[in-house]
């Protein structure tokens, strides 16, 4: 699964530098997460770093439209960092 940033985003940018896959970038009105690059930090950390550093509770959540198994996320991480 990929993470998604809600409309509650305050555009602080805290999440962007902590993403090990460079999946987070500034969008037109708020930060966005590229589902192709997001591995929920599987392969790098025990939990999604973006969620840990975000100052807004429940701003970054799992995107139900982009579901993947842990194995698929691990494989994606390996392909990004091969």
N, C-alpha and C. Protein backbone atom coordinates (compact mmCIF):
# COMPACT_ATOMS: atom_id res chain seq x y z
N UNK A 1 0.84 -1.18 0.00
CA UNK A 1 0.00 0.00 0.00
C UNK A 1 0.88 1.23 0.00
N UNK A 2 0.35 2.26 -0.46
CA UNK A 2 1.03 3.55 -0.41
C UNK A 2 0.32 4.41 0.64
N UNK A 3 1.01 5.41 1.06
CA UNK A 3 0.43 6.36 1.99
C UNK A 3 -0.18 7.50 1.16
N UNK A 4 -1.07 8.25 1.79
CA UNK A 4 -1.70 9.39 1.13
C UNK A 4 -1.77 10.54 2.13
N UNK A 5 -1.59 11.75 1.64
CA UNK A 5 -1.64 12.95 2.47
C UNK A 5 -3.00 13.61 2.28
N UNK A 6 -3.67 13.88 3.38
CA UNK A 6 -5.02 14.45 3.32
C UNK A 6 -5.00 15.97 3.16
N UNK A 7 -6.17 16.52 3.00
CA UNK A 7 -6.34 17.96 2.87
C UNK A 7 -5.96 18.71 4.14
N UNK A 8 -5.74 17.97 5.23
CA UNK A 8 -5.34 18.59 6.48
C UNK A 8 -3.87 19.02 6.48
N UNK A 9 -3.14 18.67 5.44
CA UNK A 9 -1.72 19.01 5.31
C UNK A 9 -1.53 20.52 5.45
N UNK A 10 -0.55 20.90 6.29
CA UNK A 10 -0.27 22.33 6.51
C UNK A 10 0.94 22.79 5.70
N UNK A 11 1.43 21.95 4.79
CA UNK A 11 2.55 22.27 3.91
C UNK A 11 3.82 22.65 4.65
N UNK A 12 4.08 21.98 5.76
CA UNK A 12 5.28 22.27 6.54
C UNK A 12 6.53 21.67 5.91
N UNK A 13 6.37 20.60 5.13
CA UNK A 13 7.50 19.96 4.46
C UNK A 13 8.31 19.02 5.33
N UNK A 14 7.86 18.73 6.54
CA UNK A 14 8.61 17.86 7.44
C UNK A 14 8.77 16.45 6.88
N UNK A 15 7.80 15.99 6.13
CA UNK A 15 7.81 14.62 5.63
C UNK A 15 8.77 14.39 4.47
N UNK A 16 8.91 15.37 3.61
CA UNK A 16 9.65 15.18 2.36
C UNK A 16 11.09 14.70 2.55
N UNK A 17 11.91 15.33 3.39
CA UNK A 17 13.30 14.87 3.49
C UNK A 17 13.48 13.52 4.19
N UNK A 18 12.47 13.07 4.93
CA UNK A 18 12.59 11.80 5.65
C UNK A 18 12.15 10.59 4.84
N UNK A 19 11.63 10.79 3.66
CA UNK A 19 11.18 9.67 2.83
C UNK A 19 12.39 8.99 2.18
N UNK A 20 12.62 7.71 2.49
CA UNK A 20 13.79 7.03 1.93
C UNK A 20 13.69 6.76 0.43
N UNK A 21 12.51 6.91 -0.14
CA UNK A 21 12.30 6.62 -1.55
C UNK A 21 12.06 7.86 -2.40
N UNK A 22 12.19 9.03 -1.83
CA UNK A 22 11.88 10.31 -2.49
C UNK A 22 10.49 10.28 -3.13
N UNK A 23 9.54 9.68 -2.43
CA UNK A 23 8.18 9.55 -2.94
C UNK A 23 7.32 10.77 -2.63
N UNK A 24 7.80 11.66 -1.78
CA UNK A 24 7.00 12.82 -1.36
C UNK A 24 7.53 14.08 -2.04
N UNK A 25 6.59 14.87 -2.57
CA UNK A 25 6.98 16.13 -3.21
C UNK A 25 5.88 17.17 -2.99
N UNK A 26 6.25 18.42 -3.23
CA UNK A 26 5.29 19.51 -3.09
C UNK A 26 4.35 19.49 -4.29
N UNK A 27 3.06 19.40 -4.00
CA UNK A 27 2.05 19.46 -5.05
C UNK A 27 1.59 20.90 -5.22
N UNK A 28 0.52 21.10 -5.94
CA UNK A 28 0.03 22.46 -6.19
C UNK A 28 -0.53 23.11 -4.94
N UNK A 29 -1.18 22.33 -4.08
CA UNK A 29 -1.74 22.94 -2.87
C UNK A 29 -1.32 22.25 -1.58
N UNK A 30 -0.75 21.04 -1.69
CA UNK A 30 -0.25 20.32 -0.53
C UNK A 30 0.74 19.28 -0.98
N UNK A 31 1.44 18.69 -0.04
CA UNK A 31 2.41 17.65 -0.39
C UNK A 31 1.67 16.40 -0.88
N UNK A 32 2.31 15.67 -1.77
CA UNK A 32 1.72 14.46 -2.35
C UNK A 32 2.72 13.31 -2.27
N UNK A 33 2.18 12.09 -2.29
CA UNK A 33 3.02 10.90 -2.24
C UNK A 33 2.82 10.11 -3.53
N UNK A 34 3.92 9.81 -4.20
CA UNK A 34 3.90 9.02 -5.43
C UNK A 34 3.74 7.54 -5.05
N UNK A 35 2.59 6.97 -5.36
CA UNK A 35 2.30 5.57 -5.00
C UNK A 35 3.27 4.59 -5.65
N UNK A 36 3.85 4.95 -6.78
CA UNK A 36 4.80 4.07 -7.46
C UNK A 36 6.09 3.93 -6.65
N UNK A 37 6.46 4.98 -5.90
CA UNK A 37 7.69 4.96 -5.12
C UNK A 37 7.46 4.63 -3.64
N UNK A 38 6.25 4.79 -3.14
CA UNK A 38 5.99 4.60 -1.72
C UNK A 38 5.96 3.12 -1.35
N UNK A 39 6.74 2.77 -0.33
CA UNK A 39 6.76 1.40 0.19
C UNK A 39 6.33 1.36 1.65
N UNK A 40 5.73 2.44 2.13
CA UNK A 40 5.38 2.57 3.56
C UNK A 40 6.61 2.38 4.42
N UNK A 41 7.77 2.66 3.86
CA UNK A 41 9.09 2.52 4.49
C UNK A 41 9.49 1.08 4.75
N UNK A 42 8.74 0.11 4.19
CA UNK A 42 9.15 -1.29 4.27
C UNK A 42 10.50 -1.39 3.58
N UNK A 43 11.43 -2.03 4.23
CA UNK A 43 12.78 -2.16 3.70
C UNK A 43 13.74 -1.15 4.29
N UNK A 44 13.21 -0.06 4.82
CA UNK A 44 14.06 1.00 5.38
C UNK A 44 13.83 1.21 6.87
N UNK A 45 12.57 1.24 7.28
CA UNK A 45 12.21 1.52 8.67
C UNK A 45 11.08 0.59 9.12
N UNK A 46 10.84 0.57 10.41
CA UNK A 46 9.78 -0.28 10.96
C UNK A 46 8.39 0.30 10.75
N UNK A 47 8.31 1.61 10.53
CA UNK A 47 7.02 2.29 10.35
C UNK A 47 7.23 3.44 9.36
N UNK A 48 6.16 3.91 8.73
CA UNK A 48 6.30 5.03 7.79
C UNK A 48 6.85 6.28 8.49
N UNK A 49 8.01 6.75 8.02
CA UNK A 49 8.64 7.92 8.61
C UNK A 49 7.79 9.18 8.44
N UNK A 50 7.09 9.29 7.33
CA UNK A 50 6.28 10.49 7.10
C UNK A 50 5.23 10.66 8.20
N UNK A 51 4.65 9.56 8.63
CA UNK A 51 3.64 9.60 9.68
C UNK A 51 4.30 10.01 11.00
N UNK A 52 5.49 9.48 11.26
CA UNK A 52 6.19 9.78 12.50
C UNK A 52 6.56 11.26 12.62
N UNK A 53 6.96 11.89 11.52
CA UNK A 53 7.43 13.28 11.59
C UNK A 53 6.34 14.31 11.35
N UNK A 54 5.21 13.90 10.83
CA UNK A 54 4.12 14.84 10.54
C UNK A 54 3.55 15.43 11.83
N UNK A 55 3.47 16.77 11.92
CA UNK A 55 2.93 17.40 13.13
C UNK A 55 1.40 17.36 13.21
N UNK A 56 0.73 16.94 12.14
CA UNK A 56 -0.73 16.90 12.11
C UNK A 56 -1.20 15.45 12.24
N UNK A 57 -1.87 15.15 13.34
CA UNK A 57 -2.37 13.79 13.56
C UNK A 57 -3.33 13.37 12.45
N UNK A 58 -3.18 12.17 11.97
CA UNK A 58 -4.04 11.57 10.96
C UNK A 58 -4.02 12.28 9.61
N UNK A 59 -2.98 13.06 9.35
CA UNK A 59 -2.86 13.74 8.06
C UNK A 59 -2.38 12.77 6.99
N UNK A 60 -1.51 11.83 7.37
CA UNK A 60 -0.97 10.86 6.43
C UNK A 60 -1.46 9.47 6.84
N UNK A 61 -2.17 8.84 5.93
CA UNK A 61 -2.77 7.53 6.21
C UNK A 61 -2.51 6.58 5.05
N UNK A 62 -2.87 5.33 5.24
CA UNK A 62 -2.75 4.33 4.18
C UNK A 62 -3.77 4.65 3.10
N UNK A 63 -3.34 4.57 1.85
CA UNK A 63 -4.21 4.84 0.71
C UNK A 63 -4.90 3.54 0.29
N UNK A 64 -6.20 3.42 0.55
CA UNK A 64 -6.90 2.17 0.22
C UNK A 64 -6.95 1.88 -1.29
N UNK A 65 -6.69 2.87 -2.11
CA UNK A 65 -6.72 2.68 -3.56
C UNK A 65 -5.42 2.06 -4.07
N UNK A 66 -4.39 1.98 -3.22
CA UNK A 66 -3.10 1.43 -3.63
C UNK A 66 -2.64 0.39 -2.62
N UNK A 67 -3.21 -0.80 -2.69
CA UNK A 67 -2.87 -1.85 -1.74
C UNK A 67 -1.85 -2.82 -2.33
N UNK A 68 -0.86 -3.18 -1.50
CA UNK A 68 0.17 -4.14 -1.89
C UNK A 68 0.53 -4.96 -0.66
N UNK A 69 0.97 -6.18 -0.89
CA UNK A 69 1.41 -7.03 0.22
C UNK A 69 2.76 -6.54 0.72
N UNK A 70 3.13 -6.98 1.91
CA UNK A 70 4.44 -6.63 2.46
C UNK A 70 5.56 -7.12 1.52
N UNK A 71 5.38 -8.29 0.95
CA UNK A 71 6.38 -8.84 0.03
C UNK A 71 6.53 -7.94 -1.21
N UNK A 72 5.41 -7.46 -1.73
CA UNK A 72 5.46 -6.57 -2.89
C UNK A 72 6.14 -5.26 -2.53
N UNK A 73 5.87 -4.74 -1.33
CA UNK A 73 6.52 -3.51 -0.89
C UNK A 73 8.02 -3.71 -0.73
N UNK A 74 8.43 -4.85 -0.19
CA UNK A 74 9.85 -5.16 -0.05
C UNK A 74 10.53 -5.24 -1.42
N UNK A 75 9.85 -5.89 -2.37
CA UNK A 75 10.39 -6.00 -3.73
C UNK A 75 10.49 -4.63 -4.39
N UNK A 76 9.50 -3.79 -4.16
CA UNK A 76 9.53 -2.43 -4.72
C UNK A 76 10.70 -1.65 -4.14
N UNK A 77 10.90 -1.77 -2.83
CA UNK A 77 12.01 -1.08 -2.18
C UNK A 77 13.34 -1.53 -2.78
N UNK A 78 13.49 -2.84 -2.95
CA UNK A 78 14.72 -3.38 -3.54
C UNK A 78 14.93 -2.88 -4.97
N UNK A 79 13.86 -2.78 -5.74
CA UNK A 79 14.01 -2.31 -7.12
C UNK A 79 14.38 -0.82 -7.16
N UNK A 80 13.91 -0.07 -6.17
CA UNK A 80 14.25 1.36 -6.12
C UNK A 80 15.67 1.59 -5.64
N UNK A 81 16.19 0.68 -4.82
CA UNK A 81 17.51 0.88 -4.21
C UNK A 81 18.52 -0.17 -4.62
N UNK A 82 18.11 -1.09 -5.50
CA UNK A 82 18.89 -2.19 -6.02
C UNK A 82 20.31 -2.16 -5.74
